[in-house]
Amino acid sequence: MDSALHRIGLIVPSSNTTMETELPRMFAQRETIRPETFTFHASRARMQHVTPEELNAMVQASERSAEEVADAGVDAIAYACLVAVMAQGPGAHREIEPRLAACAARGGDSVPLISSAGALIAALEALNATRIALIAPYMKPLTAMVCDYIADCGIEVRRSVSLEVSDNRAVGQLDPTGLIHAAGELDTSDVDALVLSACVQMPSLAAVEPVQERVGVPVVTAATATTFALLRELHLEPVVPGAGALLAD
């Protein structure tokens, strides 16, 4: 059977180093079980520090990025900065996604566009998770804002951990094995799922399945949720080996 080619566009913060590694890794794992090929094409919007000011500026710059990445003839686009969207207020992904999709369409072709923020909510809904625990690299006020955003979507955040790293490049250098220890210290006895990394920049893929085995509840991350949403937009079964319950066959 011939391999089907799918081009995926990414809009990422200028300091991001994780989405362009973890997403291709997951899609490469999918290529081992399906006759498909995926390529990735990114546009960057300036953001170095995870502060409200820089997050707001990135959202504005992302309109340009959406137009640029659409020029590559991509089949779907992921706006890969979860907290930049959530910082805009409750339910912001519902307004930002169609607005950026309209920007992408200015070149003439309509392209489905998802955000990591909207993808995380959709992933938790797909898992029927109404109570969760969450780990984030942010300072405590930003983590609280993320928890409030998720709660506004009808999902209770029972407890959360803030690693308090404000430099986005430093977040990308965190050791994912540290999440195994952090998750082990977190009470998950009364939750339906654990958000292991509520940030597209915090490396987590290597820890998803070890943590899931340890805590005994489905484990999802911003990256696995984004992959799930992209596969659905491409009308493909959302299955990736070794990426946790959300993407299990």
Protein backbone atom coordinates (compact mmCIF):
# COMPACT_ATOMS: atom_id res chain seq x y z
CA MET A 1 0.00 0.00 0.00
CA ASP A 2 1.30 3.46 -0.87
CA SER A 3 2.13 5.76 2.03
CA ALA A 4 -0.15 8.78 2.44
CA LEU A 5 1.72 12.07 3.02
CA HIS A 6 0.39 14.57 5.53
CA ARG A 7 2.00 17.99 6.10
CA ILE A 8 1.54 19.46 9.57
CA GLY A 9 2.08 23.12 10.37
CA LEU A 10 3.20 24.30 13.80
CA ILE A 11 3.06 27.76 15.34
CA VAL A 12 5.51 27.72 18.24
CA PRO A 13 7.09 30.23 20.63
CA SER A 14 10.50 31.38 19.41
CA SER A 15 12.14 29.75 22.45
CA ASN A 16 10.33 26.42 22.08
CA THR A 17 12.47 23.33 21.47
CA THR A 18 10.10 20.54 22.52
CA MET A 19 7.11 20.49 20.17
CA GLU A 20 9.37 20.12 17.14
CA THR A 21 10.91 17.04 18.76
CA GLU A 22 8.08 15.30 20.66
CA LEU A 23 5.40 15.62 17.97
CA PRO A 24 7.60 14.23 15.15
CA ARG A 25 8.64 11.42 17.50
CA MET A 26 5.03 10.44 18.13
CA PHE A 27 4.09 10.61 14.48
CA ALA A 28 7.17 8.51 13.62
CA GLN A 29 5.91 5.92 16.11
CA ARG A 30 2.58 5.98 14.30
CA GLU A 31 4.32 5.37 10.98
CA THR A 32 5.39 1.97 12.33
CA ILE A 33 1.73 0.84 12.45
CA ARG A 34 0.06 2.79 9.63
CA PRO A 35 0.98 3.39 5.95
CA GLU A 36 1.43 7.14 6.46
CA THR A 37 4.18 9.74 6.34
CA PHE A 38 4.21 13.07 8.18
CA THR A 39 6.32 16.18 7.69
CA PHE A 40 6.44 19.24 9.95
CA HIS A 41 6.70 22.89 9.02
CA ALA A 42 7.00 25.56 11.73
CA SER A 43 6.64 29.30 12.06
CA ARG A 44 7.87 31.01 15.22
CA ALA A 45 6.40 33.87 17.26
CA ARG A 46 8.64 35.74 19.70
CA MET A 47 8.42 34.62 23.34
CA GLN A 48 11.32 34.06 25.75
CA HIS A 49 9.78 34.31 29.22
CA VAL A 50 6.43 32.97 30.35
CA THR A 51 4.99 36.30 31.48
CA PRO A 52 1.54 37.79 30.73
CA GLU A 53 3.13 40.53 28.61
CA GLU A 54 5.12 38.17 26.38
CA LEU A 55 2.23 35.72 26.13
CA ASN A 56 -0.11 38.46 24.93
CA ALA A 57 2.46 39.65 22.39
CA MET A 58 2.87 36.10 21.08
CA VAL A 59 -0.85 35.72 20.49
CA GLN A 60 -0.85 38.88 18.38
CA ALA A 61 2.23 37.77 16.40
CA SER A 62 0.64 34.38 15.74
CA GLU A 63 -1.64 35.84 13.08
CA ARG A 64 1.44 36.42 10.93
CA SER A 65 2.71 32.92 11.77
CA ALA A 66 -0.57 31.33 10.69
CA GLU A 67 -0.33 32.98 7.28
CA GLU A 68 3.32 31.98 6.88
CA VAL A 69 2.97 28.32 7.77
CA ALA A 70 -0.11 27.97 5.55
CA ASP A 71 2.10 28.87 2.58
CA ALA A 72 3.69 25.43 2.92
CA GLY A 73 0.45 23.78 1.82
CA VAL A 74 -0.08 22.09 5.18
CA ASP A 75 -3.07 19.85 5.89
CA ALA A 76 -3.57 21.02 9.49
CA ILE A 77 -2.00 23.56 11.85
CA ALA A 78 -1.36 23.36 15.59
CA TYR A 79 -1.00 26.56 17.60
CA ALA A 80 1.42 25.09 20.10
CA CYS A 81 1.48 27.36 23.12
CA LEU A 82 -1.08 26.25 25.67
CA VAL A 83 -0.60 28.98 28.27
CA ALA A 84 -0.54 31.83 25.73
CA VAL A 85 -4.10 30.96 24.77
CA MET A 86 -5.32 30.28 28.31
CA ALA A 87 -3.87 33.62 29.49
CA GLN A 88 -6.38 35.39 27.23
CA GLY A 89 -9.29 34.44 29.48
CA PRO A 90 -11.84 31.65 29.96
CA GLY A 91 -12.68 29.73 26.79
CA ALA A 92 -10.22 31.78 24.71
CA HIS A 93 -9.37 28.82 22.44
CA ARG A 94 -12.90 28.98 21.03
CA GLU A 95 -12.22 32.47 19.66
CA ILE A 96 -8.49 32.20 18.86
CA GLU A 97 -8.68 28.97 16.83
CA PRO A 98 -11.16 30.27 14.19
CA ARG A 99 -9.42 33.66 14.08
CA LEU A 100 -6.04 32.08 13.31
CA ALA A 101 -7.69 29.66 10.85
CA ALA A 102 -9.07 32.69 9.01
CA CYS A 103 -5.56 34.18 8.89
CA ALA A 104 -4.19 30.92 7.50
CA ALA A 105 -6.88 30.92 4.81
CA ARG A 106 -5.85 34.32 3.43
CA GLY A 107 -3.53 32.52 1.02
CA GLY A 108 -6.54 30.87 -0.58
CA ASP A 109 -6.81 27.46 1.08
CA SER A 110 -8.89 26.64 4.17
CA VAL A 111 -6.77 24.79 6.74
CA PRO A 112 -8.05 23.26 9.99
CA LEU A 113 -6.32 24.83 12.98
CA ILE A 114 -6.26 23.55 16.55
CA SER A 115 -4.61 24.92 19.67
CA SER A 116 -2.85 22.96 22.37
CA ALA A 117 -5.18 24.64 24.87
CA GLY A 118 -8.31 23.44 23.09
CA ALA A 119 -6.69 20.07 22.43
CA LEU A 120 -6.05 19.48 26.14
CA ILE A 121 -9.70 20.17 26.98
CA ALA A 122 -10.85 17.88 24.15
CA ALA A 123 -8.46 15.14 25.28
CA LEU A 124 -9.77 15.22 28.85
CA GLU A 125 -13.33 15.12 27.56
CA ALA A 126 -12.44 12.12 25.35
CA LEU A 127 -11.11 10.36 28.46
CA ASN A 128 -14.34 11.26 30.35
CA ALA A 129 -12.12 12.94 32.93
CA THR A 130 -14.08 15.27 35.18
CA ARG A 131 -11.51 15.39 38.01
CA ILE A 132 -7.79 15.71 37.32
CA ALA A 133 -4.41 16.39 38.86
CA LEU A 134 -1.91 18.52 36.99
CA ILE A 135 1.83 19.25 36.81
CA ALA A 136 3.06 22.48 35.22
CA PRO A 137 6.47 24.17 34.95
CA TYR A 138 5.01 27.65 35.54
CA MET A 139 5.16 30.02 38.45
CA LYS A 140 2.25 29.43 40.83
CA PRO A 141 0.04 32.31 39.58
CA LEU A 142 0.20 31.01 35.99
CA THR A 143 -0.51 27.45 37.11
CA ALA A 144 -3.53 28.75 39.03
CA MET A 145 -4.71 30.51 35.88
CA VAL A 146 -4.38 27.25 33.88
CA CYS A 147 -6.35 25.39 36.56
CA ASP A 148 -9.08 28.05 36.49
CA TYR A 149 -9.27 27.84 32.69
CA ILE A 150 -9.70 24.07 32.80
CA ALA A 151 -12.27 24.36 35.60
CA ASP A 152 -14.26 26.87 33.51
CA CYS A 153 -14.54 24.09 30.89
CA GLY A 154 -16.22 21.85 33.46
CA ILE A 155 -13.22 19.83 34.60
CA GLU A 156 -12.23 20.04 38.27
CA VAL A 157 -8.51 20.31 39.04
CA ARG A 158 -8.26 18.54 42.40
CA ARG A 159 -4.57 19.39 42.91
CA SER A 160 -1.61 20.78 41.01
CA VAL A 161 2.17 21.10 41.17
CA SER A 162 4.09 24.17 40.01
CA LEU A 163 7.77 23.66 39.19
CA GLU A 164 8.23 27.47 39.08
CA VAL A 165 10.50 27.85 36.03
CA SER A 166 9.82 31.14 34.23
CA ASP A 167 12.51 31.00 31.52
CA ASN A 168 11.01 29.09 28.60
CA ARG A 169 14.38 27.80 27.38
CA ALA A 170 15.06 26.40 30.84
CA VAL A 171 11.69 24.63 30.76
CA GLY A 172 12.78 22.86 27.57
CA GLN A 173 15.89 21.59 29.35
CA LEU A 174 14.04 19.93 32.24
CA ASP A 175 14.69 16.20 32.60
CA PRO A 176 11.46 14.30 31.86
CA THR A 177 12.45 11.60 34.34
CA GLY A 178 11.92 14.21 37.05
CA LEU A 179 8.22 14.01 36.24
CA ILE A 180 8.20 10.38 37.35
CA HIS A 181 9.23 11.47 40.84
CA ALA A 182 6.88 14.48 40.85
CA ALA A 183 3.93 12.32 39.82
CA GLY A 184 4.80 9.76 42.47
CA GLU A 185 4.51 12.46 45.12
CA LEU A 186 1.09 13.58 43.85
CA ASP A 187 -2.14 12.08 45.21
CA THR A 188 -4.09 10.69 42.24
CA SER A 189 -6.41 8.43 44.23
CA ASP A 190 -9.52 10.50 43.50
CA VAL A 191 -8.88 11.72 39.94
CA ASP A 192 -9.80 10.40 36.49
CA ALA A 193 -6.59 11.51 34.76
CA LEU A 194 -3.23 13.16 35.33
CA VAL A 195 -2.01 16.01 33.14
CA LEU A 196 1.69 15.25 33.36
CA SER A 197 2.83 18.33 31.45
CA ALA A 198 0.45 21.27 31.11
CA CYS A 199 2.98 22.96 28.83
CA VAL A 200 4.10 22.25 25.27
CA GLN A 201 7.70 23.12 26.19
CA MET A 202 8.18 20.78 29.16
CA PRO A 203 9.60 17.45 27.87
CA SER A 204 7.39 14.60 29.02
CA LEU A 205 6.95 11.93 26.34
CA ALA A 206 9.52 9.57 27.84
CA ALA A 207 7.69 9.69 31.18
CA VAL A 208 4.09 9.19 30.02
CA GLU A 209 3.86 5.41 30.11
CA PRO A 210 6.10 4.87 33.20
CA VAL A 211 4.00 7.40 35.12
CA GLN A 212 0.72 5.94 33.84
CA GLU A 213 1.79 2.50 35.03
CA ARG A 214 2.77 3.94 38.40
CA VAL A 215 -0.31 6.07 39.15
CA GLY A 216 -2.92 3.80 37.58
CA VAL A 217 -4.93 6.52 35.79
CA PRO A 218 -4.72 7.81 32.21
CA VAL A 219 -1.84 10.24 31.68
CA VAL A 220 -2.07 13.02 29.12
CA THR A 221 0.26 15.89 28.21
CA ALA A 222 -0.05 19.03 26.12
CA ALA A 223 1.94 17.23 23.41
CA THR A 224 -0.09 14.00 23.39
CA ALA A 225 -3.32 16.03 23.40
CA THR A 226 -2.07 18.09 20.44
CA THR A 227 -1.21 14.90 18.55
CA PHE A 228 -4.68 13.49 19.33
CA ALA A 229 -6.36 16.65 18.00
CA LEU A 230 -4.23 16.78 14.85
CA LEU A 231 -4.98 13.17 13.97
CA ARG A 232 -8.71 13.81 14.35
CA GLU A 233 -8.48 16.90 12.10
CA LEU A 234 -6.70 14.75 9.50
CA HIS A 235 -9.56 12.22 9.78
CA LEU A 236 -7.16 9.57 11.02
CA GLU A 237 -7.70 7.18 13.92
CA PRO A 238 -5.98 8.83 16.94
CA VAL A 239 -3.62 5.98 17.73
CA VAL A 240 0.10 6.22 18.56
CA PRO A 241 2.05 3.42 20.25
CA GLY A 242 3.78 4.21 23.52
CA ALA A 243 2.06 7.57 24.12
CA GLY A 244 -0.38 6.78 26.90
CA ALA A 245 -4.06 5.90 27.23
CA LEU A 246 -5.32 8.82 25.15
CA LEU A 247 -3.59 7.48 22.03
CA ALA A 248 -3.86 3.78 22.79
CA ASP A 249 -5.36 1.41 20.22
